[in-house]
Amino acid sequence: MRVRLITVSERQPEWVNTAYADYARRLPRHLAPQLIELPLAKRRDDITRAKADEGQRILDAARDATLVALDERGKSLTSRELAGKLPGWEQAGRDLALVIGGPDGLDASVLAAASFKWSLSALTLPHGMVRVVLAEQLYRAFAINSGHPYHRD
């Protein structure tokens, strides 16, 4: 299994890139996310069309992968619950695509294709922050599963 982090966003501040890279490099090769940055669709007057365009590009980038959509209405997980899900995703024999939508959220087509909808928080978080939290939580789940003392209950 390889992990793809698919995000629809603009250029991120350097602190986001630095923090994300720090956690990503701690992960073993098969869990280190491949970052796929998709440009925002032109919003103009038609947000529905923009979301549909972004949705199609997300689905293309997630092809042949287990799709996990980051969505505020998704299921909240503890770090231990995420660690419990990770082996199942690994054993499925498919890549894992973690998807962060654009500023208006994910298109219904992406949510329908998702095998799991995951909420990091009931709060709305900036895209860069979500990227960092995802990388950190993947590292934390890996550490829990491998018995590393990084995580403390």
C-alpha atoms as a PDB file:
ATOM      1  CA  MET A   1       0.000   0.000   0.000  1.00  0.00           C
ATOM      2  CA  ARG A   2       1.086   3.522  -0.794  1.00  0.00           C
ATOM      3  CA  VAL A   3      -0.589   6.588   0.655  1.00  0.00           C
ATOM      4  CA  ARG A   4      -1.686   9.496  -1.517  1.00  0.00           C
ATOM      5  CA  LEU A   5      -2.615  12.782   0.114  1.00  0.00           C
ATOM      6  CA  ILE A   6      -4.770  14.539  -2.457  1.00  0.00           C
ATOM      7  CA  THR A   7      -5.518  18.160  -1.710  1.00  0.00           C
ATOM      8  CA  VAL A   8      -7.266  20.942  -3.586  1.00  0.00           C
ATOM      9  CA  SER A   9      -5.527  24.090  -2.438  1.00  0.00           C
ATOM     10  CA  GLU A  10      -3.390  27.067  -3.232  1.00  0.00           C
ATOM     11  CA  ARG A  11       0.290  27.368  -2.387  1.00  0.00           C
ATOM     12  CA  GLN A  12       0.908  26.785   1.314  1.00  0.00           C
ATOM     13  CA  PRO A  13       3.085  28.806   3.710  1.00  0.00           C
ATOM     14  CA  GLU A  14       6.589  27.475   4.340  1.00  0.00           C
ATOM     15  CA  TRP A  15       5.739  26.446   7.928  1.00  0.00           C
ATOM     16  CA  VAL A  16       3.099  24.057   6.538  1.00  0.00           C
ATOM     17  CA  ASN A  17       5.556  22.536   4.073  1.00  0.00           C
ATOM     18  CA  THR A  18       8.214  22.175   6.773  1.00  0.00           C
ATOM     19  CA  ALA A  19       5.899  20.593   9.352  1.00  0.00           C
ATOM     20  CA  TYR A  20       4.313  18.258   6.805  1.00  0.00           C
ATOM     21  CA  ALA A  21       7.716  17.140   5.497  1.00  0.00           C
ATOM     22  CA  ASP A  22       8.964  16.512   9.047  1.00  0.00           C
ATOM     23  CA  TYR A  23       6.175  14.031   9.846  1.00  0.00           C
ATOM     24  CA  ALA A  24       6.164  12.491   6.360  1.00  0.00           C
ATOM     25  CA  ARG A  25       9.892  11.684   6.549  1.00  0.00           C
ATOM     26  CA  ARG A  26       9.399   9.863   9.888  1.00  0.00           C
ATOM     27  CA  LEU A  27       7.068   7.352   8.277  1.00  0.00           C
ATOM     28  CA  PRO A  28       8.229   4.141   6.641  1.00  0.00           C
ATOM     29  CA  ARG A  29       8.375   4.343   2.874  1.00  0.00           C
ATOM     30  CA  HIS A  30       5.006   2.657   2.250  1.00  0.00           C
ATOM     31  CA  LEU A  31       3.162   5.043   4.595  1.00  0.00           C
ATOM     32  CA  ALA A  32       4.946   8.281   3.652  1.00  0.00           C
ATOM     33  CA  PRO A  33       2.233  10.148   1.746  1.00  0.00           C
ATOM     34  CA  GLN A  34       2.713  11.138  -1.862  1.00  0.00           C
ATOM     35  CA  LEU A  35       1.426  14.706  -1.882  1.00  0.00           C
ATOM     36  CA  ILE A  36      -0.810  15.444  -4.871  1.00  0.00           C
ATOM     37  CA  GLU A  37      -1.770  19.111  -5.028  1.00  0.00           C
ATOM     38  CA  LEU A  38      -4.628  19.951  -7.358  1.00  0.00           C
ATOM     39  CA  PRO A  39      -5.288  23.571  -8.309  1.00  0.00           C
ATOM     40  CA  LEU A  40      -8.531  25.236  -7.335  1.00  0.00           C
ATOM     41  CA  ALA A  41     -11.181  25.397 -10.027  1.00  0.00           C
ATOM     42  CA  LYS A  42     -12.219  28.881 -11.115  1.00  0.00           C
ATOM     43  CA  ARG A  43     -15.086  29.932  -8.850  1.00  0.00           C
ATOM     44  CA  ARG A  44     -16.580  32.906 -10.666  1.00  0.00           C
ATOM     45  CA  ASP A  45     -20.348  32.625 -10.211  1.00  0.00           C
ATOM     46  CA  ASP A  46     -20.796  28.859 -10.292  1.00  0.00           C
ATOM     47  CA  ILE A  47     -19.514  27.147  -7.135  1.00  0.00           C
ATOM     48  CA  THR A  48     -21.406  23.947  -7.969  1.00  0.00           C
ATOM     49  CA  ARG A  49     -19.567  23.634 -11.273  1.00  0.00           C
ATOM     50  CA  ALA A  50     -16.218  24.395  -9.600  1.00  0.00           C
ATOM     51  CA  LYS A  51     -16.792  21.682  -6.988  1.00  0.00           C
ATOM     52  CA  ALA A  52     -17.802  19.204  -9.703  1.00  0.00           C
ATOM     53  CA  ASP A  53     -14.608  19.988 -11.641  1.00  0.00           C
ATOM     54  CA  GLU A  54     -12.476  19.551  -8.521  1.00  0.00           C
ATOM     55  CA  GLY A  55     -14.379  16.361  -7.700  1.00  0.00           C
ATOM     56  CA  GLN A  56     -13.601  14.810 -11.079  1.00  0.00           C
ATOM     57  CA  ARG A  57      -9.910  15.659 -10.753  1.00  0.00           C
ATOM     58  CA  ILE A  58      -9.871  14.167  -7.231  1.00  0.00           C
ATOM     59  CA  LEU A  59     -11.504  10.960  -8.449  1.00  0.00           C
ATOM     60  CA  ASP A  60      -8.979  10.734 -11.290  1.00  0.00           C
ATOM     61  CA  ALA A  61      -6.076  11.180  -8.840  1.00  0.00           C
ATOM     62  CA  ALA A  62      -7.586   8.600  -6.447  1.00  0.00           C
ATOM     63  CA  ARG A  63      -8.215   5.981  -9.126  1.00  0.00           C
ATOM     64  CA  ASP A  64      -7.683   2.379  -7.928  1.00  0.00           C
ATOM     65  CA  ALA A  65      -7.267   3.491  -4.305  1.00  0.00           C
ATOM     66  CA  THR A  66      -9.341   3.189  -1.158  1.00  0.00           C
ATOM     67  CA  LEU A  67     -10.717   6.707  -0.873  1.00  0.00           C
ATOM     68  CA  VAL A  68     -10.982   8.391   2.538  1.00  0.00           C
ATOM     69  CA  ALA A  69     -12.689  11.786   2.418  1.00  0.00           C
ATOM     70  CA  LEU A  70     -11.890  14.383   5.052  1.00  0.00           C
ATOM     71  CA  ASP A  71     -15.266  15.877   5.873  1.00  0.00           C
ATOM     72  CA  GLU A  72     -16.556  17.747   8.912  1.00  0.00           C
ATOM     73  CA  ARG A  73     -19.635  15.503   8.921  1.00  0.00           C
ATOM     74  CA  GLY A  74     -17.550  12.334   8.881  1.00  0.00           C
ATOM     75  CA  LYS A  75     -16.698  10.012  11.754  1.00  0.00           C
ATOM     76  CA  SER A  76     -14.340  11.283  14.407  1.00  0.00           C
ATOM     77  CA  LEU A  77     -11.556   8.894  15.407  1.00  0.00           C
ATOM     78  CA  THR A  78      -9.194   8.746  18.342  1.00  0.00           C
ATOM     79  CA  SER A  79      -5.538   8.146  17.513  1.00  0.00           C
ATOM     80  CA  ARG A  80      -5.882   4.550  18.740  1.00  0.00           C
ATOM     81  CA  GLU A  81      -8.954   4.029  16.536  1.00  0.00           C
ATOM     82  CA  LEU A  82      -6.992   5.327  13.546  1.00  0.00           C
ATOM     83  CA  ALA A  83      -4.146   2.965  14.454  1.00  0.00           C
ATOM     84  CA  GLY A  84      -6.708   0.145  14.457  1.00  0.00           C
ATOM     85  CA  LYS A  85      -7.915   1.067  10.949  1.00  0.00           C
ATOM     86  CA  LEU A  86      -4.437   1.292   9.441  1.00  0.00           C
ATOM     87  CA  PRO A  87      -3.709  -2.483   9.262  1.00  0.00           C
ATOM     88  CA  GLY A  88      -7.020  -3.092   7.483  1.00  0.00           C
ATOM     89  CA  TRP A  89      -6.203  -0.450   4.897  1.00  0.00           C
ATOM     90  CA  GLU A  90      -2.717  -1.915   4.480  1.00  0.00           C
ATOM     91  CA  GLN A  91      -4.037  -5.454   4.056  1.00  0.00           C
ATOM     92  CA  ALA A  92      -6.656  -4.415   1.490  1.00  0.00           C
ATOM     93  CA  GLY A  93      -3.942  -4.490  -1.161  1.00  0.00           C
ATOM     94  CA  ARG A  94      -4.848  -1.079  -2.587  1.00  0.00           C
ATOM     95  CA  ASP A  95      -3.353   2.352  -2.243  1.00  0.00           C
ATOM     96  CA  LEU A  96      -4.965   4.677   0.290  1.00  0.00           C
ATOM     97  CA  ALA A  97      -6.105   8.113  -0.932  1.00  0.00           C
ATOM     98  CA  LEU A  98      -6.728  10.700   1.794  1.00  0.00           C
ATOM     99  CA  VAL A  99      -8.631  13.608   0.245  1.00  0.00           C
ATOM    100  CA  ILE A 100      -8.869  17.234   1.359  1.00  0.00           C
ATOM    101  CA  GLY A 101     -11.386  19.268  -0.641  1.00  0.00           C
ATOM    102  CA  GLY A 102     -11.299  22.860  -1.797  1.00  0.00           C
ATOM    103  CA  PRO A 103     -12.614  25.892   0.102  1.00  0.00           C
ATOM    104  CA  ASP A 104     -16.229  24.893  -0.584  1.00  0.00           C
ATOM    105  CA  GLY A 105     -15.746  21.280   0.466  1.00  0.00           C
ATOM    106  CA  LEU A 106     -15.930  18.046  -1.475  1.00  0.00           C
ATOM    107  CA  ASP A 107     -18.293  17.383  -4.338  1.00  0.00           C
ATOM    108  CA  ALA A 108     -21.062  14.844  -3.705  1.00  0.00           C
ATOM    109  CA  SER A 109     -19.410  12.479  -6.224  1.00  0.00           C
ATOM    110  CA  VAL A 110     -16.287  12.263  -4.053  1.00  0.00           C
ATOM    111  CA  LEU A 111     -18.283  11.727  -0.869  1.00  0.00           C
ATOM    112  CA  ALA A 112     -20.289   8.982  -2.599  1.00  0.00           C
ATOM    113  CA  ALA A 113     -17.086   7.248  -3.774  1.00  0.00           C
ATOM    114  CA  ALA A 114     -15.459   7.412  -0.335  1.00  0.00           C
ATOM    115  CA  SER A 115     -15.234   4.169   1.600  1.00  0.00           C
ATOM    116  CA  PHE A 116     -14.807   6.225   4.774  1.00  0.00           C
ATOM    117  CA  LYS A 117     -15.608   9.811   5.707  1.00  0.00           C
ATOM    118  CA  TRP A 118     -13.295  11.088   8.426  1.00  0.00           C
ATOM    119  CA  SER A 119     -13.708  14.213  10.535  1.00  0.00           C
ATOM    120  CA  LEU A 120     -10.561  15.552  12.156  1.00  0.00           C
ATOM    121  CA  SER A 121     -12.593  18.089  14.122  1.00  0.00           C
ATOM    122  CA  ALA A 122     -15.968  19.776  14.305  1.00  0.00           C
ATOM    123  CA  LEU A 123     -13.994  22.967  13.692  1.00  0.00           C
ATOM    124  CA  THR A 124     -13.244  24.212  10.205  1.00  0.00           C
ATOM    125  CA  LEU A 125      -9.475  24.005   9.801  1.00  0.00           C
ATOM    126  CA  PRO A 126      -7.227  25.680   7.242  1.00  0.00           C
ATOM    127  CA  HIS A 127      -6.094  23.326   4.489  1.00  0.00           C
ATOM    128  CA  GLY A 128      -2.446  23.600   5.453  1.00  0.00           C
ATOM    129  CA  MET A 129      -3.214  22.688   9.045  1.00  0.00           C
ATOM    130  CA  VAL A 130      -5.199  19.633   7.917  1.00  0.00           C
ATOM    131  CA  ARG A 131      -2.230  18.492   5.830  1.00  0.00           C
ATOM    132  CA  VAL A 132       0.065  18.700   8.856  1.00  0.00           C
ATOM    133  CA  VAL A 133      -2.429  17.014  11.212  1.00  0.00           C
ATOM    134  CA  LEU A 134      -2.938  14.150   8.740  1.00  0.00           C
ATOM    135  CA  ALA A 135       0.795  13.498   8.434  1.00  0.00           C
ATOM    136  CA  GLU A 136       1.201  13.658  12.220  1.00  0.00           C
ATOM    137  CA  GLN A 137      -1.713  11.306  12.832  1.00  0.00           C
ATOM    138  CA  LEU A 138      -0.398   8.794  10.295  1.00  0.00           C
ATOM    139  CA  TYR A 139       2.925   8.886  12.112  1.00  0.00           C
ATOM    140  CA  ARG A 140       1.177   8.539  15.484  1.00  0.00           C
ATOM    141  CA  ALA A 141      -0.881   5.555  14.249  1.00  0.00           C
ATOM    142  CA  PHE A 142       2.278   3.926  12.899  1.00  0.00           C
ATOM    143  CA  ALA A 143       4.039   4.565  16.237  1.00  0.00           C
ATOM    144  CA  ILE A 144       1.135   3.034  18.197  1.00  0.00           C
ATOM    145  CA  ASN A 145       1.098  -0.066  15.980  1.00  0.00           C
ATOM    146  CA  SER A 146       4.858  -0.524  16.183  1.00  0.00           C
ATOM    147  CA  GLY A 147       5.073  -0.023  19.967  1.00  0.00           C
ATOM    148  CA  HIS A 148       7.059   3.205  19.691  1.00  0.00           C
ATOM    149  CA  PRO A 149       6.663   5.465  22.769  1.00  0.00           C
ATOM    150  CA  TYR A 150       5.673   8.559  20.727  1.00  0.00           C
ATOM    151  CA  HIS A 151       2.006   8.187  21.737  1.00  0.00           C
ATOM    152  CA  ARG A 152       1.045   8.322  25.393  1.00  0.00           C
ATOM    153  CA  ASP A 153      -2.468   7.651  26.643  1.00  0.00           C
END
